[in-house]
Amino acid sequence: MKELRITAGTAKGRRLKAVAVSERSPLRPTASKVREALFNITGPGICGAGFLDLYAGTGAVGFEALSRGAGFVVFVEINPVRVELIKKTGLELGFLTRMKVYRMQAFEYLKKACEHGDTFDFIFIDPSYQSEEVMKVLPLIAEGGILKNGGMVMVEHFSKGTLPESVGSLRQKKRYIYGDTALTTFK
């Protein structure tokens, strides 16, 4: 079991547990330097914002958003062990009233969120680096009305991989490199 720390905000320094549940379901938590960079990108816009953490894993990014003042965070994770860990961590950090956790595939969650008219200021996408999931969910985000006007999509991916310049109404804005990790933003 790995331990991560929240890097800033009301829960700064608090520890998060990370569980790798099997060889087939490896865990690659977002590194603290990448999380810090991500929230430097969002800037003060995170305060009061709606934040969607797709492929939540440990929940580290969503908990960082809550610690830094996000109004609410929705965590979407398919693995039941990780879902329970996210719920337990939310309770320990006192964030339960500002979060929801869904145990389902990201694509299925997005379809339901679009049907219900749910919207977010920030959407963070971090599937395993080898998957094709990003290109499954970006078109739905682009055309589903789930991203608020002026909102931002942030994709964590392998730095040697590339993403298209545009997907539907979304346009790639910037790409940041941190070793083997890249963060690509879309608006």
C-alpha atoms as a PDB file:
ATOM      1  CA  MET A   1       0.000   0.000   0.000  1.00  0.00           C
ATOM      2  CA  LYS A   2       1.423   3.374  -1.083  1.00  0.00           C
ATOM      3  CA  GLU A   3       0.889   6.581   0.850  1.00  0.00           C
ATOM      4  CA  LEU A   4       0.276   9.936  -0.784  1.00  0.00           C
ATOM      5  CA  ARG A   5      -0.115  13.361   0.758  1.00  0.00           C
ATOM      6  CA  ILE A   6      -2.405  16.265  -0.027  1.00  0.00           C
ATOM      7  CA  THR A   7      -0.099  19.097  -1.141  1.00  0.00           C
ATOM      8  CA  ALA A   8      -2.142  22.236  -0.306  1.00  0.00           C
ATOM      9  CA  GLY A   9      -5.334  23.636   1.167  1.00  0.00           C
ATOM     10  CA  THR A  10      -7.364  22.725   4.231  1.00  0.00           C
ATOM     11  CA  ALA A  11      -6.148  19.109   4.258  1.00  0.00           C
ATOM     12  CA  LYS A  12      -2.506  19.886   3.425  1.00  0.00           C
ATOM     13  CA  GLY A  13      -0.171  17.147   4.643  1.00  0.00           C
ATOM     14  CA  ARG A  14      -2.974  14.640   5.266  1.00  0.00           C
ATOM     15  CA  ARG A  15      -2.171  11.143   4.060  1.00  0.00           C
ATOM     16  CA  LEU A  16      -4.099   9.138   1.500  1.00  0.00           C
ATOM     17  CA  LYS A  17      -3.821   5.395   1.115  1.00  0.00           C
ATOM     18  CA  ALA A  18      -3.414   3.825  -2.318  1.00  0.00           C
ATOM     19  CA  VAL A  19      -4.246   0.184  -2.936  1.00  0.00           C
ATOM     20  CA  ALA A  20      -3.132  -1.834  -5.952  1.00  0.00           C
ATOM     21  CA  VAL A  21      -5.844  -4.453  -6.152  1.00  0.00           C
ATOM     22  CA  SER A  22      -4.282  -6.873  -8.639  1.00  0.00           C
ATOM     23  CA  GLU A  23      -1.597  -7.305 -11.281  1.00  0.00           C
ATOM     24  CA  ARG A  24      -4.239  -6.700 -13.962  1.00  0.00           C
ATOM     25  CA  SER A  25      -5.436  -3.559 -12.219  1.00  0.00           C
ATOM     26  CA  PRO A  26      -2.210  -1.659 -11.509  1.00  0.00           C
ATOM     27  CA  LEU A  27      -2.317   1.637  -9.690  1.00  0.00           C
ATOM     28  CA  ARG A  28      -0.432   4.674 -10.911  1.00  0.00           C
ATOM     29  CA  PRO A  29      -1.455   7.544  -8.638  1.00  0.00           C
ATOM     30  CA  THR A  30      -0.941  11.042  -9.979  1.00  0.00           C
ATOM     31  CA  ALA A  31       2.412  12.220  -8.614  1.00  0.00           C
ATOM     32  CA  SER A  32       2.381  15.145  -6.184  1.00  0.00           C
ATOM     33  CA  LYS A  33       4.386  17.368  -8.567  1.00  0.00           C
ATOM     34  CA  VAL A  34       1.827  16.693 -11.319  1.00  0.00           C
ATOM     35  CA  ARG A  35      -1.078  17.406  -8.929  1.00  0.00           C
ATOM     36  CA  GLU A  36       0.567  20.671  -7.901  1.00  0.00           C
ATOM     37  CA  ALA A  37       1.051  21.600 -11.558  1.00  0.00           C
ATOM     38  CA  LEU A  38      -2.555  20.705 -12.350  1.00  0.00           C
ATOM     39  CA  PHE A  39      -3.842  23.064  -9.670  1.00  0.00           C
ATOM     40  CA  ASN A  40      -1.430  25.791 -10.750  1.00  0.00           C
ATOM     41  CA  ILE A  41      -3.178  25.492 -14.124  1.00  0.00           C
ATOM     42  CA  THR A  42      -6.670  25.778 -12.592  1.00  0.00           C
ATOM     43  CA  GLY A  43      -5.529  28.641 -10.377  1.00  0.00           C
ATOM     44  CA  PRO A  44      -8.066  30.299  -8.094  1.00  0.00           C
ATOM     45  CA  GLY A  45     -10.845  29.118 -10.428  1.00  0.00           C
ATOM     46  CA  ILE A  46     -10.954  25.902  -8.384  1.00  0.00           C
ATOM     47  CA  CYS A  47     -12.615  27.754  -5.477  1.00  0.00           C
ATOM     48  CA  GLY A  48     -16.296  26.846  -5.466  1.00  0.00           C
ATOM     49  CA  ALA A  49     -15.951  24.903  -8.730  1.00  0.00           C
ATOM     50  CA  GLY A  50     -17.551  21.638  -9.759  1.00  0.00           C
ATOM     51  CA  PHE A  51     -14.832  19.049 -10.416  1.00  0.00           C
ATOM     52  CA  LEU A  52     -15.186  15.649 -12.091  1.00  0.00           C
ATOM     53  CA  ASP A  53     -12.468  13.057 -11.387  1.00  0.00           C
ATOM     54  CA  LEU A  54     -12.858  10.302 -14.014  1.00  0.00           C
ATOM     55  CA  TYR A  55     -10.898   7.075 -13.433  1.00  0.00           C
ATOM     56  CA  ALA A  56     -10.415   8.332  -9.862  1.00  0.00           C
ATOM     57  CA  GLY A  57      -8.166   5.496  -8.621  1.00  0.00           C
ATOM     58  CA  THR A  58      -7.005   6.685  -5.194  1.00  0.00           C
ATOM     59  CA  GLY A  59      -9.068   9.861  -5.398  1.00  0.00           C
ATOM     60  CA  ALA A  60      -5.914  11.929  -4.800  1.00  0.00           C
ATOM     61  CA  VAL A  61      -6.712  14.512  -7.483  1.00  0.00           C
ATOM     62  CA  GLY A  62     -10.319  14.939  -6.356  1.00  0.00           C
ATOM     63  CA  PHE A  63      -9.307  15.216  -2.693  1.00  0.00           C
ATOM     64  CA  GLU A  64      -6.674  17.779  -3.654  1.00  0.00           C
ATOM     65  CA  ALA A  65      -9.434  19.758  -5.420  1.00  0.00           C
ATOM     66  CA  LEU A  66     -11.634  19.619  -2.303  1.00  0.00           C
ATOM     67  CA  SER A  67      -8.733  20.639  -0.073  1.00  0.00           C
ATOM     68  CA  ARG A  68      -8.091  23.627  -2.337  1.00  0.00           C
ATOM     69  CA  GLY A  69     -11.714  24.787  -2.162  1.00  0.00           C
ATOM     70  CA  ALA A  70     -13.689  23.037  -4.914  1.00  0.00           C
ATOM     71  CA  GLY A  71     -17.411  23.338  -4.249  1.00  0.00           C
ATOM     72  CA  PHE A  72     -17.997  19.670  -4.996  1.00  0.00           C
ATOM     73  CA  VAL A  73     -16.218  16.716  -6.568  1.00  0.00           C
ATOM     74  CA  VAL A  74     -17.667  13.693  -8.321  1.00  0.00           C
ATOM     75  CA  PHE A  75     -15.383  10.639  -8.266  1.00  0.00           C
ATOM     76  CA  VAL A  76     -15.946   7.947 -10.909  1.00  0.00           C
ATOM     77  CA  GLU A  77     -14.114   4.643 -10.420  1.00  0.00           C
ATOM     78  CA  ILE A  78     -15.044   1.118 -11.498  1.00  0.00           C
ATOM     79  CA  ASN A  79     -12.979  -0.849  -8.966  1.00  0.00           C
ATOM     80  CA  PRO A  80     -15.047  -1.639  -5.821  1.00  0.00           C
ATOM     81  CA  VAL A  81     -12.032  -1.731  -3.474  1.00  0.00           C
ATOM     82  CA  ARG A  82     -10.931   1.723  -4.608  1.00  0.00           C
ATOM     83  CA  VAL A  83     -14.487   3.072  -4.392  1.00  0.00           C
ATOM     84  CA  GLU A  84     -14.705   2.014  -0.737  1.00  0.00           C
ATOM     85  CA  LEU A  85     -11.288   3.544  -0.044  1.00  0.00           C
ATOM     86  CA  ILE A  86     -12.397   6.857  -1.601  1.00  0.00           C
ATOM     87  CA  LYS A  87     -15.542   6.874   0.570  1.00  0.00           C
ATOM     88  CA  LYS A  88     -13.530   6.084   3.706  1.00  0.00           C
ATOM     89  CA  THR A  89     -10.986   8.799   2.912  1.00  0.00           C
ATOM     90  CA  GLY A  90     -13.760  11.327   2.274  1.00  0.00           C
ATOM     91  CA  LEU A  91     -15.179  10.561   5.714  1.00  0.00           C
ATOM     92  CA  GLU A  92     -11.758  10.842   7.395  1.00  0.00           C
ATOM     93  CA  LEU A  93     -11.051  14.189   5.699  1.00  0.00           C
ATOM     94  CA  GLY A  94     -14.517  15.592   6.443  1.00  0.00           C
ATOM     95  CA  PHE A  95     -15.417  16.039   2.757  1.00  0.00           C
ATOM     96  CA  LEU A  96     -18.473  13.749   2.470  1.00  0.00           C
ATOM     97  CA  THR A  97     -20.974  16.607   2.101  1.00  0.00           C
ATOM     98  CA  ARG A  98     -19.053  17.978  -0.897  1.00  0.00           C
ATOM     99  CA  MET A  99     -18.494  14.748  -2.811  1.00  0.00           C
ATOM    100  CA  LYS A 100     -20.218  11.875  -4.568  1.00  0.00           C
ATOM    101  CA  VAL A 101     -18.665   8.570  -5.591  1.00  0.00           C
ATOM    102  CA  TYR A 102     -19.957   6.447  -8.462  1.00  0.00           C
ATOM    103  CA  ARG A 103     -18.849   2.882  -9.075  1.00  0.00           C
ATOM    104  CA  MET A 104     -19.198   2.626 -12.834  1.00  0.00           C
ATOM    105  CA  GLN A 105     -17.391   2.944 -16.142  1.00  0.00           C
ATOM    106  CA  ALA A 106     -16.513   6.551 -16.997  1.00  0.00           C
ATOM    107  CA  PHE A 107     -18.343   6.428 -20.334  1.00  0.00           C
ATOM    108  CA  GLU A 108     -21.538   5.180 -18.659  1.00  0.00           C
ATOM    109  CA  TYR A 109     -21.328   7.883 -15.994  1.00  0.00           C
ATOM    110  CA  LEU A 110     -20.891  10.576 -18.664  1.00  0.00           C
ATOM    111  CA  LYS A 111     -23.960   9.370 -20.577  1.00  0.00           C
ATOM    112  CA  LYS A 112     -26.064   9.559 -17.388  1.00  0.00           C
ATOM    113  CA  ALA A 113     -24.624  12.952 -16.403  1.00  0.00           C
ATOM    114  CA  CYS A 114     -25.434  14.347 -19.857  1.00  0.00           C
ATOM    115  CA  GLU A 115     -29.006  13.009 -19.623  1.00  0.00           C
ATOM    116  CA  HIS A 116     -29.451  14.662 -16.197  1.00  0.00           C
ATOM    117  CA  GLY A 117     -27.898  17.974 -17.264  1.00  0.00           C
ATOM    118  CA  ASP A 118     -24.994  17.755 -14.804  1.00  0.00           C
ATOM    119  CA  THR A 119     -22.184  20.226 -15.539  1.00  0.00           C
ATOM    120  CA  PHE A 120     -18.641  20.771 -14.303  1.00  0.00           C
ATOM    121  CA  ASP A 121     -16.063  23.550 -14.365  1.00  0.00           C
ATOM    122  CA  PHE A 122     -13.157  21.097 -14.494  1.00  0.00           C
ATOM    123  CA  ILE A 123     -12.990  17.527 -15.773  1.00  0.00           C
ATOM    124  CA  PHE A 124      -9.887  15.457 -15.026  1.00  0.00           C
ATOM    125  CA  ILE A 125      -9.310  12.310 -17.103  1.00  0.00           C
ATOM    126  CA  ASP A 126      -6.626   9.829 -16.042  1.00  0.00           C
ATOM    127  CA  PRO A 127      -7.140   6.295 -17.357  1.00  0.00           C
ATOM    128  CA  SER A 128      -4.269   3.822 -17.562  1.00  0.00           C
ATOM    129  CA  TYR A 129      -1.675   5.046 -20.051  1.00  0.00           C
ATOM    130  CA  GLN A 130      -2.195   2.075 -22.380  1.00  0.00           C
ATOM    131  CA  SER A 131      -5.951   2.411 -22.728  1.00  0.00           C
ATOM    132  CA  GLU A 132      -8.016   3.984 -25.475  1.00  0.00           C
ATOM    133  CA  GLU A 133     -10.426   5.427 -22.905  1.00  0.00           C
ATOM    134  CA  VAL A 134      -9.509   9.074 -23.503  1.00  0.00           C
ATOM    135  CA  MET A 135     -10.725   8.912 -27.090  1.00  0.00           C
ATOM    136  CA  LYS A 136     -13.935   7.210 -25.945  1.00  0.00           C
ATOM    137  CA  VAL A 137     -14.868   9.895 -23.417  1.00  0.00           C
ATOM    138  CA  LEU A 138     -13.594  13.138 -24.999  1.00  0.00           C
ATOM    139  CA  PRO A 139     -16.248  13.179 -27.778  1.00  0.00           C
ATOM    140  CA  LEU A 140     -19.017  12.682 -25.218  1.00  0.00           C
ATOM    141  CA  ILE A 141     -17.649  15.517 -23.078  1.00  0.00           C
ATOM    142  CA  ALA A 142     -17.288  17.742 -26.160  1.00  0.00           C
ATOM    143  CA  GLU A 143     -20.833  17.241 -27.400  1.00  0.00           C
ATOM    144  CA  GLY A 144     -22.737  16.317 -24.236  1.00  0.00           C
ATOM    145  CA  GLY A 145     -22.949  19.751 -22.626  1.00  0.00           C
ATOM    146  CA  ILE A 146     -21.300  18.483 -19.439  1.00  0.00           C
ATOM    147  CA  LEU A 147     -18.460  21.051 -19.480  1.00  0.00           C
ATOM    148  CA  LYS A 148     -19.554  24.527 -18.387  1.00  0.00           C
ATOM    149  CA  ASN A 149     -18.799  27.508 -20.624  1.00  0.00           C
ATOM    150  CA  GLY A 150     -15.231  28.538 -19.856  1.00  0.00           C
ATOM    151  CA  GLY A 151     -14.569  25.136 -18.280  1.00  0.00           C
ATOM    152  CA  MET A 152     -11.470  23.031 -18.799  1.00  0.00           C
ATOM    153  CA  VAL A 153     -10.744  19.366 -19.487  1.00  0.00           C
ATOM    154  CA  MET A 154      -7.378  18.099 -18.232  1.00  0.00           C
ATOM    155  CA  VAL A 155      -6.018  14.782 -19.495  1.00  0.00           C
ATOM    156  CA  GLU A 156      -3.110  12.989 -17.822  1.00  0.00           C
ATOM    157  CA  HIS A 157      -1.329  10.668 -20.247  1.00  0.00           C
ATOM    158  CA  PHE A 158       2.025   9.200 -21.267  1.00  0.00           C
ATOM    159  CA  SER A 159       4.328  12.013 -22.412  1.00  0.00           C
ATOM    160  CA  LYS A 160       5.326  10.177 -25.590  1.00  0.00           C
ATOM    161  CA  GLY A 161       1.688   9.899 -26.653  1.00  0.00           C
ATOM    162  CA  THR A 162      -0.243  12.657 -28.372  1.00  0.00           C
ATOM    163  CA  LEU A 163      -3.847  13.735 -28.372  1.00  0.00           C
ATOM    164  CA  PRO A 164      -5.693  15.382 -31.274  1.00  0.00           C
ATOM    165  CA  GLU A 165      -5.702  19.173 -31.606  1.00  0.00           C
ATOM    166  CA  SER A 166      -9.488  19.131 -31.427  1.00  0.00           C
ATOM    167  CA  VAL A 167     -12.299  16.769 -30.504  1.00  0.00           C
ATOM    168  CA  GLY A 168     -15.735  18.078 -31.435  1.00  0.00           C
ATOM    169  CA  SER A 169     -16.099  21.501 -29.824  1.00  0.00           C
ATOM    170  CA  LEU A 170     -13.027  21.002 -27.601  1.00  0.00           C
ATOM    171  CA  ARG A 171      -9.732  22.587 -28.658  1.00  0.00           C
ATOM    172  CA  GLN A 172      -6.371  21.601 -27.238  1.00  0.00           C
ATOM    173  CA  LYS A 173      -4.891  24.594 -25.390  1.00  0.00           C
ATOM    174  CA  LYS A 174      -1.614  23.499 -23.865  1.00  0.00           C
ATOM    175  CA  ARG A 175       0.529  20.455 -23.146  1.00  0.00           C
ATOM    176  CA  TYR A 176       2.739  20.239 -20.056  1.00  0.00           C
ATOM    177  CA  ILE A 177       5.446  17.574 -19.644  1.00  0.00           C
ATOM    178  CA  TYR A 178       6.638  16.153 -16.296  1.00  0.00           C
ATOM    179  CA  GLY A 179       9.031  13.270 -17.003  1.00  0.00           C
ATOM    180  CA  ASP A 180       6.965  10.376 -18.415  1.00  0.00           C
ATOM    181  CA  THR A 181       3.711  12.200 -17.670  1.00  0.00           C
ATOM    182  CA  ALA A 182       1.933  14.806 -19.769  1.00  0.00           C
ATOM    183  CA  LEU A 183      -1.032  17.004 -18.886  1.00  0.00           C
ATOM    184  CA  THR A 184      -2.974  18.226 -21.903  1.00  0.00           C
ATOM    185  CA  THR A 185      -5.699  20.828 -21.469  1.00  0.00           C
ATOM    186  CA  PHE A 186      -8.767  21.362 -23.648  1.00  0.00           C
ATOM    187  CA  LYS A 187     -11.378  24.134 -23.641  1.00  0.00           C
END
